[in-house]
Protein backbone atom coordinates (compact mmCIF):
# COMPACT_ATOMS: atom_id res chain seq x y z
CA MET A 1 -0.17 10.46 -16.88
CA THR A 2 -3.12 11.38 -19.07
CA ASN A 3 -6.68 11.32 -17.90
CA ILE A 4 -7.40 8.58 -20.47
CA ASN A 5 -4.64 6.40 -18.99
CA LYS A 6 -6.04 6.94 -15.52
CA ILE A 7 -9.53 5.94 -16.69
CA MET A 8 -8.23 2.82 -18.48
CA LYS A 9 -6.19 1.79 -15.44
CA ALA A 10 -9.19 2.18 -13.14
CA PHE A 11 -11.42 0.27 -15.58
CA LYS A 12 -8.95 -2.60 -15.83
CA PHE A 13 -8.51 -2.63 -12.05
CA PHE A 14 -12.24 -3.13 -11.49
CA LEU A 15 -12.43 -5.87 -14.11
CA ILE A 16 -9.68 -7.79 -12.34
CA ILE A 17 -10.97 -7.24 -8.83
CA PRO A 18 -14.78 -7.28 -8.85
CA VAL A 19 -14.82 -7.68 -5.09
CA PHE A 20 -13.67 -4.08 -4.82
CA LEU A 21 -16.47 -2.55 -6.93
CA LEU A 22 -18.03 -1.22 -3.76
CA GLY A 23 -14.90 -0.91 -1.70
CA CYS A 24 -11.82 0.19 -3.66
CA LYS A 25 -12.43 3.83 -2.87
CA ASP A 26 -11.96 4.54 0.81
CA SER A 27 -15.02 5.66 2.73
CA ALA A 28 -15.69 9.37 2.95
CA GLU A 29 -15.06 9.18 6.65
CA GLU A 30 -11.65 7.58 6.12
CA LYS A 31 -10.67 10.12 3.47
CA ASN A 32 -11.68 13.00 5.72
CA SER A 33 -9.43 11.67 8.47
CA ALA A 34 -6.45 11.80 6.13
CA SER A 35 -4.79 14.94 4.81
CA SER A 36 -6.91 17.08 2.53
CA ARG A 37 -4.02 17.08 0.06
CA ASP A 38 -3.79 14.60 -2.80
CA PRO A 39 -1.63 11.64 -1.69
CA ILE A 40 2.05 11.21 -2.40
CA THR A 41 2.54 8.01 -4.31
CA SER A 42 5.97 6.55 -4.99
CA LEU A 43 6.83 3.14 -6.25
CA THR A 44 10.37 3.80 -7.44
CA PRO A 45 12.83 0.93 -6.87
CA GLY A 46 16.05 2.90 -7.24
CA GLN A 47 17.74 6.16 -8.04
CA SER A 48 16.72 8.35 -10.96
CA ASN A 49 18.91 8.44 -14.06
CA SER A 50 17.99 12.06 -14.82
CA SER A 51 19.00 15.28 -13.10
CA LYS A 52 16.50 16.88 -10.74
CA ASN A 53 17.47 20.23 -12.23
CA THR A 54 15.86 19.25 -15.55
CA VAL A 55 12.55 18.13 -14.02
CA ASP A 56 9.58 20.47 -13.76
CA ARG A 57 8.49 20.05 -10.15
CA SER A 58 5.81 22.72 -10.15
CA ALA A 59 2.31 21.82 -8.99
CA GLY A 60 0.39 20.01 -11.72
CA ALA A 61 3.51 19.08 -13.69
CA GLU A 62 3.28 15.70 -15.40
CA GLY A 63 5.79 13.51 -17.14
CA SER A 64 7.69 10.26 -17.07
CA GLU A 65 11.11 9.23 -15.89
CA ASP A 66 13.29 6.20 -16.53
CA ILE A 67 14.43 4.56 -13.30
CA ASN A 68 16.36 1.29 -13.41
CA ASP A 69 15.05 0.43 -16.89
CA LEU A 70 11.44 1.15 -15.92
CA THR A 71 9.37 4.13 -17.08
CA TRP A 72 7.51 5.81 -14.24
CA HIS A 73 4.67 8.25 -14.96
CA TYR A 74 4.25 11.01 -12.43
CA LYS A 75 2.25 14.08 -11.51
CA PHE A 76 3.32 16.61 -8.91
CA GLY A 77 1.03 18.45 -6.53
CA ASP A 78 1.50 20.91 -3.66
CA ASP A 79 0.51 21.27 -0.04
CA GLY A 80 -1.99 24.05 -0.75
CA ASN A 81 0.59 26.75 -0.08
CA GLY A 82 2.55 26.38 -3.29
CA ASN A 83 5.14 24.04 -1.78
CA VAL A 84 5.84 20.86 -3.74
CA GLN A 85 4.75 18.17 -1.33
CA GLN A 86 3.20 15.41 -3.36
CA VAL A 87 3.94 13.19 -6.32
CA GLU A 88 1.80 10.49 -7.86
CA ILE A 89 3.67 7.77 -9.75
CA ALA A 90 2.55 4.58 -11.48
CA LEU A 91 3.89 1.73 -13.60
CA SER A 92 2.06 -0.09 -16.32
CA ASP A 93 0.93 -3.60 -15.43
CA SER A 94 3.54 -5.12 -17.73
CA GLN A 95 6.36 -3.17 -16.08
CA ALA A 96 5.19 -4.08 -12.58
CA LYS A 97 5.77 -7.68 -13.57
CA GLU A 98 9.43 -6.87 -14.30
CA VAL A 99 10.22 -5.84 -10.71
CA GLU A 100 12.22 -8.71 -9.20
CA GLY A 101 13.51 -9.74 -5.76
CA GLU A 102 13.78 -7.21 -2.93
CA LEU A 103 12.59 -3.65 -3.41
CA VAL A 104 13.48 -0.80 -1.05
CA ILE A 105 11.20 2.13 -1.86
CA PRO A 106 12.94 5.47 -1.20
CA GLY A 107 11.37 8.25 0.84
CA GLU A 108 11.81 10.97 -1.79
CA ILE A 109 11.53 11.30 -5.55
CA ASN A 110 12.33 14.45 -7.49
CA GLY A 111 12.20 16.55 -4.34
CA ALA A 112 8.81 15.28 -3.08
CA ILE A 113 8.32 13.29 0.11
CA VAL A 114 6.80 9.83 -0.37
CA GLU A 115 3.75 9.30 1.82
CA VAL A 116 1.38 6.99 -0.04
CA ILE A 117 1.78 3.72 -1.93
CA GLY A 118 -0.81 4.13 -4.63
CA GLU A 119 -3.84 2.12 -5.70
CA GLY A 120 -2.84 -0.94 -7.73
CA ALA A 121 0.80 0.17 -7.57
CA PHE A 122 2.36 -3.30 -7.72
CA MET A 123 -0.69 -5.28 -8.74
CA GLY A 124 0.43 -8.60 -10.21
CA ALA A 125 4.14 -8.02 -9.49
CA ASP A 126 4.66 -11.77 -9.26
CA GLN A 127 8.48 -11.65 -9.22
CA LEU A 128 8.64 -9.35 -6.21
CA THR A 129 9.75 -11.19 -3.05
CA SER A 130 10.42 -8.47 -0.43
CA VAL A 131 9.37 -4.85 0.06
CA VAL A 132 10.66 -2.21 2.48
CA LEU A 133 8.43 0.86 2.59
CA PRO A 134 9.92 4.29 3.33
CA VAL A 135 9.61 5.57 6.90
CA THR A 136 7.60 8.51 5.54
CA THR A 137 4.74 6.25 4.36
CA THR A 138 1.32 7.07 5.84
CA ARG A 139 -1.06 5.04 3.63
CA ILE A 140 -1.07 1.85 1.59
CA GLU A 141 -3.91 2.17 -0.89
CA SER A 142 -6.33 -0.39 -2.33
CA GLY A 143 -4.81 -3.27 -4.26
CA ALA A 144 -1.29 -1.91 -3.89
CA PHE A 145 0.27 -5.39 -3.82
CA TYR A 146 -2.72 -7.34 -5.10
CA ASN A 147 -1.78 -10.77 -6.47
CA SER A 148 1.95 -10.36 -5.81
CA THR A 149 2.11 -14.10 -5.41
CA ASN A 150 5.83 -14.42 -4.56
CA LEU A 151 5.89 -11.63 -1.98
CA GLU A 152 7.31 -13.19 1.20
CA LYS A 153 8.23 -10.20 3.35
CA VAL A 154 6.85 -6.68 3.85
CA THR A 155 8.25 -4.12 6.27
CA ILE A 156 5.53 -1.62 7.22
CA PRO A 157 6.95 1.38 9.08
CA ASP A 158 5.48 3.03 12.14
CA GLY A 159 3.59 6.01 10.76
CA VAL A 160 1.31 4.12 8.37
CA THR A 161 -2.27 4.83 9.45
CA HIS A 162 -4.33 3.01 6.83
CA ILE A 163 -4.11 -0.22 4.82
CA GLY A 164 -6.58 -0.20 1.94
CA ASP A 165 -9.01 -2.72 0.51
CA GLY A 166 -7.23 -5.76 -0.92
CA ALA A 167 -3.83 -4.17 -0.41
CA PHE A 168 -2.19 -7.60 0.00
CA TYR A 169 -4.95 -9.73 -1.47
CA ASN A 170 -3.78 -13.15 -2.71
CA CYS A 171 -0.15 -12.66 -1.67
CA THR A 172 0.11 -16.42 -1.37
CA ALA A 173 3.79 -16.57 -0.29
CA LEU A 174 3.34 -14.22 2.67
CA THR A 175 3.65 -16.13 5.96
CA SER A 176 3.77 -13.36 8.57
CA ILE A 177 3.47 -9.61 8.89
CA THR A 178 3.75 -7.00 11.65
CA ILE A 179 1.26 -4.13 11.85
CA PRO A 180 2.64 -1.07 13.68
CA ALA A 181 0.73 0.71 16.42
CA SER A 182 0.12 3.67 14.11
CA VAL A 183 -2.34 1.73 11.91
CA LYS A 184 -5.89 2.87 12.72
CA SER A 185 -7.92 1.22 9.94
CA ILE A 186 -7.76 -1.75 7.57
CA GLY A 187 -9.94 -2.09 4.47
CA MET A 188 -11.92 -5.14 3.48
CA ARG A 189 -10.06 -8.22 2.23
CA ALA A 190 -6.74 -6.48 2.83
CA PHE A 191 -5.01 -9.81 3.54
CA ALA A 192 -7.66 -12.19 2.21
CA ASP A 193 -6.65 -15.33 0.30
CA CYS A 194 -3.08 -15.17 1.64
CA GLY A 195 -3.17 -18.92 2.05
CA MET A 196 0.24 -19.25 3.75
CA LEU A 197 -0.31 -16.40 6.20
CA GLU A 198 0.10 -17.85 9.70
CA SER A 199 0.70 -14.87 11.99
CA ILE A 200 -0.25 -11.21 12.04
CA THR A 201 1.29 -9.23 14.90
CA PHE A 202 -0.38 -6.01 16.05
CA LEU A 203 1.78 -3.70 18.14
CA GLY A 204 -0.97 -1.32 19.27
CA GLU A 205 -4.71 -1.08 19.79
CA PRO A 206 -7.00 -3.06 17.46
CA PRO A 207 -7.50 -0.97 14.31
CA ARG A 208 -10.92 -0.36 12.83
CA LEU A 209 -11.99 -2.99 10.27
CA LEU A 210 -13.81 -1.15 7.50
CA ARG A 211 -17.14 -2.29 6.08
CA GLU A 212 -16.94 -6.01 6.87
CA GLU A 213 -14.77 -8.51 8.71
CA SER A 214 -13.22 -10.07 5.60
CA GLN A 215 -9.74 -8.66 6.13
CA PHE A 216 -8.17 -12.08 6.84
CA GLN A 217 -10.59 -14.30 4.97
CA ASN A 218 -9.21 -17.63 3.71
CA THR A 219 -6.05 -17.42 5.79
CA ARG A 220 -4.94 -19.58 8.69
CA ALA A 221 -3.45 -16.68 10.61
CA TRP A 222 -3.35 -16.26 14.36
CA ILE A 223 -3.68 -12.65 15.48
CA TYR A 224 -0.94 -11.77 17.99
CA TYR A 225 -1.51 -8.61 20.00
CA ASN A 226 0.38 -6.45 22.48
CA PRO A 227 -1.23 -7.12 25.90
CA ASP A 228 -0.31 -3.60 27.01
CA PHE A 229 -3.17 -2.30 24.84
CA GLU A 230 -6.86 -2.76 25.59
CA GLY A 231 -9.67 -3.69 23.23
CA TRP A 232 -8.54 -7.13 22.16
CA HIS A 233 -10.93 -10.09 22.38
CA GLU A 234 -10.87 -13.80 21.59
CA LYS A 235 -11.30 -13.09 17.88
CA PHE A 236 -10.37 -10.22 15.59
CA GLY A 237 -11.54 -10.14 12.00
CA ASP A 238 -12.94 -13.62 12.54
CA ARG A 239 -9.46 -14.97 13.40
CA PRO A 240 -8.35 -16.28 16.82
CA THR A 241 -6.13 -14.05 18.95
CA ARG A 242 -3.44 -14.53 21.57
CA PRO A 243 -0.97 -12.21 23.36
CA ILE A 244 2.41 -11.78 21.69
CA ASP A 245 4.26 -13.59 24.50
CA THR A 246 2.08 -16.70 24.26
CA PRO A 247 4.11 -19.66 22.97
């Protein structure tokens, strides 16, 4: 992906989501708590049609690959020791809209482990109904599923530590979601304007809410928490709470 394309994508992203002008980039503190490597980003919905043997997987290599009739742009990085460990992939906005039904995101693409679902990855994917993230995922970045209005189900694996600003903003078909104990921070408006969202279940300690308590704004969600963990109060993110076992 060229630098120009990256700039245009970022510019368009901020035009669409003005609320993130101050928040789309994670705080310096949050970035420092993550790996110093560039993130692995994979959005691929299926198996590659090309041979791995023909793909340049060296650090800094860029290109595109056709996967299930979609063209994915990628850039490989390394872990600082010359080992291929990262890959950044993105779809155009128009192609994101072509992704339909359930999507199971694999844990590897072209020899690189998938760790991060990238910023704006499925923004506006309004035909997407269900997403299963790979067990290797550690971060869901800002606006990853922004305005995916038919998204009904998301499976977030244990191992994810951060959910970015507006990651599921305006996912109006989402009714419930489970947050694993591994999640330590949630960005602003991460689940805001999910008008059908009724329950959010936290399996561990209350994660840090970054910058402001707007994470669940304009939802009707109850926050269900695991009573085995301390730190929970009557409200969390300005939403009422109750233990998981409460009827």
